[in-house]
């Protein structure tokens, strides 16, 4: 090997020694640095977005409270459950307020249906609590954000007889009743005097069940239950001798 070839090999070796660190060390570090800079830029943008949210956190909390209050207002006419006593109490209140005759009443089984569903978070993502604290005004709404709600409905079928004015008062009573109900079927036949109405009426009563909703308190209208002993009169009733004309 002559001297020229040796010099050429030395030059190539020097070039390789200079280029190798660049290609195998410096370039990967530059690519890694570029990726880190992109990640830093993305994190800074996310930081700015979160800081903007934090700056408006009072507005967001106020919006959550107002939203919960509005939902509470919408749910007010709907009780949490629909016990059979609810229909009986409706009939009792009707007879107390309107002097009409209810000949028969039919009750149906309750039907339930999911109306809302809790939103599931993506896997690995943690949620942020947006439910107002217990001492917030929105707590009175009794609604937990994202809680699934279930609708409950039951049908009540009545046959009635009433004067025309009483019939109109009955329809107005249903409309103003504090618990939500809807007339789904109605028949009205006028008698010969044209002032008396008789027919059948079907009502659908509604309830909405969900976590945080207030429980339904059923109050009995105070029916007379008589006496456990037939020889002992109920309170306010005459004794047996008095009833048969004795002393």
Protein backbone atom coordinates (compact mmCIF):
# COMPACT_ATOMS: atom_id res chain seq x y z
CA UNK A 1 0.00 0.00 0.00
CA UNK A 2 1.55 3.27 -1.12
CA UNK A 3 1.59 6.48 0.85
CA UNK A 4 -1.32 8.02 -1.13
CA UNK A 5 -3.67 5.19 -0.15
CA UNK A 6 -2.59 5.51 3.48
CA UNK A 7 -3.30 9.23 3.44
CA UNK A 8 -6.73 8.60 1.85
CA UNK A 9 -7.60 6.04 4.50
CA UNK A 10 -6.54 8.43 7.25
CA UNK A 11 -8.72 11.18 5.77
CA UNK A 12 -11.71 8.82 5.55
CA UNK A 13 -11.12 7.67 9.10
CA UNK A 14 -11.01 11.26 10.39
CA UNK A 15 -14.22 12.10 8.49
CA UNK A 16 -15.91 9.01 9.92
CA UNK A 17 -14.77 9.89 13.43
CA UNK A 18 -16.20 13.39 13.01
CA UNK A 19 -19.49 12.30 11.34
CA UNK A 20 -20.26 9.34 13.60
CA UNK A 21 -20.96 11.39 16.75
CA UNK A 22 -23.14 13.73 14.73
CA UNK A 23 -25.28 10.97 13.22
CA UNK A 24 -25.40 8.65 16.22
CA UNK A 25 -25.39 11.12 19.12
CA UNK A 26 -26.13 14.69 18.13
CA UNK A 27 -29.00 14.02 15.66
CA UNK A 28 -31.00 11.77 18.06
CA UNK A 29 -30.52 14.37 20.79
CA UNK A 30 -31.74 17.10 18.45
CA UNK A 31 -34.82 15.07 17.53
CA UNK A 32 -35.52 14.38 21.20
CA UNK A 33 -35.07 18.08 22.00
CA UNK A 34 -37.53 18.99 19.24
CA UNK A 35 -40.12 16.53 20.65
CA UNK A 36 -39.63 17.97 24.14
CA UNK A 37 -40.11 21.50 22.83
CA UNK A 38 -43.36 20.46 21.15
CA UNK A 39 -44.54 18.83 24.37
CA UNK A 40 -43.62 21.96 26.33
CA UNK A 41 -45.61 24.09 23.87
CA UNK A 42 -48.64 21.83 24.23
CA UNK A 43 -48.38 21.87 28.03
CA UNK A 44 -48.07 25.65 28.06
CA UNK A 45 -51.22 25.91 25.94
CA UNK A 46 -53.04 23.52 28.31
CA UNK A 47 -51.77 25.54 31.28
CA UNK A 48 -53.13 28.75 29.74
CA UNK A 49 -56.49 27.08 29.10
CA UNK A 50 -56.73 25.82 32.69
CA UNK A 51 -55.69 29.18 34.08
CA UNK A 52 -58.50 30.78 32.06
CA UNK A 53 -60.94 28.28 33.57
CA UNK A 54 -59.64 28.95 37.08
CA UNK A 55 -60.07 32.68 36.51
CA UNK A 56 -63.77 32.08 35.76
CA UNK A 57 -64.40 29.40 38.40
CA UNK A 58 -66.84 31.64 40.31
CA UNK A 59 -68.88 32.12 37.14
CA UNK A 60 -68.91 28.38 36.49
CA UNK A 61 -70.03 27.60 40.04
CA UNK A 62 -72.78 30.19 39.80
CA UNK A 63 -73.87 28.63 36.50
CA UNK A 64 -73.95 25.18 38.11
CA UNK A 65 -76.08 26.51 40.97
CA UNK A 66 -78.52 28.20 38.59
CA UNK A 67 -78.70 25.06 36.46
CA UNK A 68 -79.44 22.86 39.47
CA UNK A 69 -82.08 25.30 40.70
CA UNK A 70 -83.79 25.30 37.28
CA UNK A 71 -83.73 21.51 37.19
CA UNK A 72 -85.20 21.49 40.69
CA UNK A 73 -88.04 23.78 39.55
CA UNK A 74 -88.75 21.51 36.59
CA UNK A 75 -88.83 18.42 38.81
CA UNK A 76 -90.99 19.97 41.53
CA UNK A 77 -94.34 18.71 40.11
CA UNK A 78 -92.93 15.17 39.90
CA UNK A 79 -92.67 13.22 43.17
CA UNK A 80 -89.89 10.68 43.69
CA UNK A 81 -92.27 7.72 43.72
CA UNK A 82 -95.88 6.92 42.86
CA UNK A 83 -97.41 4.89 45.68
CA UNK A 84 -100.96 3.60 45.34
CA UNK A 85 -101.93 5.94 48.16
CA UNK A 86 -101.23 8.91 45.86
CA UNK A 87 -104.22 8.04 43.67
CA UNK A 88 -106.42 7.42 46.71
CA UNK A 89 -105.45 10.78 48.20
CA UNK A 90 -106.25 12.44 44.87
CA UNK A 91 -109.74 10.93 44.96
CA UNK A 92 -110.20 12.02 48.58
CA UNK A 93 -109.12 15.59 47.79
CA UNK A 94 -111.40 15.65 44.77
CA UNK A 95 -114.44 14.68 46.84
CA UNK A 96 -113.50 17.24 49.51
CA UNK A 97 -113.18 20.12 47.04
CA UNK A 98 -115.81 19.26 44.44
CA UNK A 99 -119.32 17.91 45.23
CA UNK A 100 -119.32 15.40 42.38
CA UNK A 101 -120.02 11.68 42.34
CA UNK A 102 -117.30 9.17 41.55
CA UNK A 103 -118.93 5.83 40.78
CA UNK A 104 -115.81 3.70 40.25
CA UNK A 105 -112.04 3.88 40.08
CA UNK A 106 -109.56 1.58 38.37
CA UNK A 107 -105.81 1.44 39.04
CA UNK A 108 -103.07 0.18 36.72
CA UNK A 109 -99.63 -1.26 37.38
CA UNK A 110 -96.74 1.19 37.49
CA UNK A 111 -94.49 1.51 34.43
CA UNK A 112 -90.88 2.74 34.64
CA UNK A 113 -88.52 4.07 31.99
CA UNK A 114 -85.01 5.51 32.16
CA UNK A 115 -85.06 9.12 30.97
CA UNK A 116 -81.43 10.14 31.63
CA UNK A 117 -78.20 8.23 31.97
CA UNK A 118 -75.02 9.14 33.84
CA UNK A 119 -72.26 10.12 31.42
CA UNK A 120 -69.29 7.75 31.53
CA UNK A 121 -65.80 9.28 31.48
CA UNK A 122 -63.18 7.97 29.01
CA UNK A 123 -60.97 5.25 30.38
CA UNK A 124 -58.16 6.63 32.53
CA UNK A 125 -59.74 10.09 32.83
CA UNK A 126 -60.73 11.45 36.20
CA UNK A 127 -63.80 13.58 36.61
CA UNK A 128 -64.06 16.93 38.34
CA UNK A 129 -66.74 17.29 41.00
CA UNK A 130 -69.30 19.84 39.79
CA UNK A 131 -72.02 19.05 42.32
CA UNK A 132 -72.69 22.05 44.57
CA UNK A 133 -71.78 21.72 48.21
CA UNK A 134 -74.48 20.83 50.71
CA UNK A 135 -74.68 24.44 51.94
CA UNK A 136 -75.13 25.92 48.47
CA UNK A 137 -78.52 27.18 47.34
CA UNK A 138 -78.61 24.57 44.60
CA UNK A 139 -78.62 21.79 47.18
CA UNK A 140 -82.33 22.42 47.68
CA UNK A 141 -82.90 21.11 44.17
CA UNK A 142 -81.98 17.68 45.47
CA UNK A 143 -80.30 16.73 42.20
CA UNK A 144 -76.85 15.27 41.77
CA UNK A 145 -75.29 16.23 38.46
CA UNK A 146 -74.99 13.28 36.11
CA UNK A 147 -77.34 11.13 38.21
CA UNK A 148 -79.60 8.88 36.11
CA UNK A 149 -83.32 9.59 36.40
CA UNK A 150 -86.18 7.14 35.94
CA UNK A 151 -89.73 8.12 35.04
CA UNK A 152 -92.64 6.35 36.70
CA UNK A 153 -96.23 6.54 35.51
CA UNK A 154 -99.50 4.97 36.52
CA UNK A 155 -103.02 5.19 35.13
CA UNK A 156 -106.21 5.97 37.04
CA UNK A 157 -109.60 5.44 35.36
CA UNK A 158 -112.72 7.06 36.82
CA UNK A 159 -116.42 7.00 36.08
CA UNK A 160 -118.20 10.13 37.29
CA UNK A 161 -121.46 12.05 37.50
CA UNK A 162 -121.50 15.79 38.05
CA UNK A 163 -123.21 19.03 37.29
CA UNK A 164 -121.70 20.92 34.37
CA UNK A 165 -120.08 23.50 36.66
CA UNK A 166 -118.71 20.75 38.90
CA UNK A 167 -117.31 19.02 35.83
CA UNK A 168 -115.47 22.19 34.78
CA UNK A 169 -114.21 22.66 38.34
CA UNK A 170 -112.93 19.07 38.28
CA UNK A 171 -110.93 19.72 35.09
CA UNK A 172 -109.50 22.91 36.62
CA UNK A 173 -108.66 20.97 39.80
CA UNK A 174 -106.69 18.42 37.78
CA UNK A 175 -104.81 21.18 35.98
CA UNK A 176 -103.84 22.94 39.22
CA UNK A 177 -103.04 19.75 41.15
CA UNK A 178 -99.54 20.03 42.66
CA UNK A 179 -98.45 16.63 41.32
CA UNK A 180 -98.08 16.18 37.60
CA UNK A 181 -100.89 14.31 35.83
CA UNK A 182 -102.37 14.25 32.35
CA UNK A 183 -105.84 13.44 31.02
CA UNK A 184 -105.29 10.74 28.40
CA UNK A 185 -108.92 9.82 27.68
CA UNK A 186 -112.20 11.57 28.37
CA UNK A 187 -115.86 10.91 27.61
CA UNK A 188 -118.66 13.26 28.65
CA UNK A 189 -122.36 12.59 28.05
CA UNK A 190 -124.94 15.24 28.77
CA UNK A 191 -128.29 14.29 30.28
CA UNK A 192 -131.69 15.50 29.21
CA UNK A 193 -131.42 18.54 31.40
CA UNK A 194 -128.15 19.50 29.68
CA UNK A 195 -126.78 20.56 33.06
CA UNK A 196 -125.57 17.15 34.18
CA UNK A 197 -122.56 15.32 32.78
CA UNK A 198 -121.51 11.72 33.18
CA UNK A 199 -118.78 9.62 31.61
CA UNK A 200 -115.31 8.18 32.13
CA UNK A 201 -111.93 9.80 32.51
CA UNK A 202 -108.44 8.31 32.36
CA UNK A 203 -105.55 10.04 34.13
CA UNK A 204 -101.85 9.30 33.91
CA UNK A 205 -99.91 10.24 37.05
CA UNK A 206 -96.14 10.82 36.80
CA UNK A 207 -93.12 10.60 39.09
CA UNK A 208 -89.35 10.89 38.57
CA UNK A 209 -86.99 8.83 40.68
CA UNK A 210 -83.30 9.57 41.12
CA UNK A 211 -80.56 9.90 43.72
CA UNK A 212 -80.96 12.99 45.86
CA UNK A 213 -84.69 13.45 45.18
CA UNK A 214 -86.86 13.98 48.30
CA UNK A 215 -88.84 11.01 49.55
CA UNK A 216 -92.63 11.02 49.24
CA UNK A 217 -94.49 11.41 52.52
CA UNK A 218 -97.90 9.79 52.35
CA UNK A 219 -100.44 11.30 54.74
CA UNK A 220 -103.59 9.28 55.37
CA UNK A 221 -106.73 11.40 55.03
CA UNK A 222 -108.03 10.18 58.40
CA UNK A 223 -110.58 7.51 57.54
CA UNK A 224 -112.78 6.17 60.35
CA UNK A 225 -111.57 2.71 61.25
CA UNK A 226 -114.37 1.74 63.65
CA UNK A 227 -113.74 -0.42 66.69
CA UNK A 228 -111.92 -3.70 67.20
CA UNK A 229 -114.72 -4.89 69.51
CA UNK A 230 -118.24 -4.88 68.05
CA UNK A 231 -119.69 -4.34 71.53
CA UNK A 232 -117.61 -1.21 72.07
CA UNK A 233 -118.71 1.74 69.92
CA UNK A 234 -116.21 3.75 67.93
CA UNK A 235 -115.35 7.25 69.24
CA UNK A 236 -118.30 9.60 68.72
CA UNK A 237 -120.79 6.78 68.03
CA UNK A 238 -123.79 6.02 70.32
CA UNK A 239 -123.65 3.03 72.64
CA UNK A 240 -125.52 -0.14 71.72
CA UNK A 241 -128.49 0.51 74.05
CA UNK A 242 -128.82 4.05 72.69
CA UNK A 243 -128.62 2.76 69.14
CA UNK A 244 -131.57 0.38 69.67
CA UNK A 245 -133.60 2.94 71.59
CA UNK A 246 -132.64 1.97 75.13
CA UNK A 247 -131.16 4.05 77.90
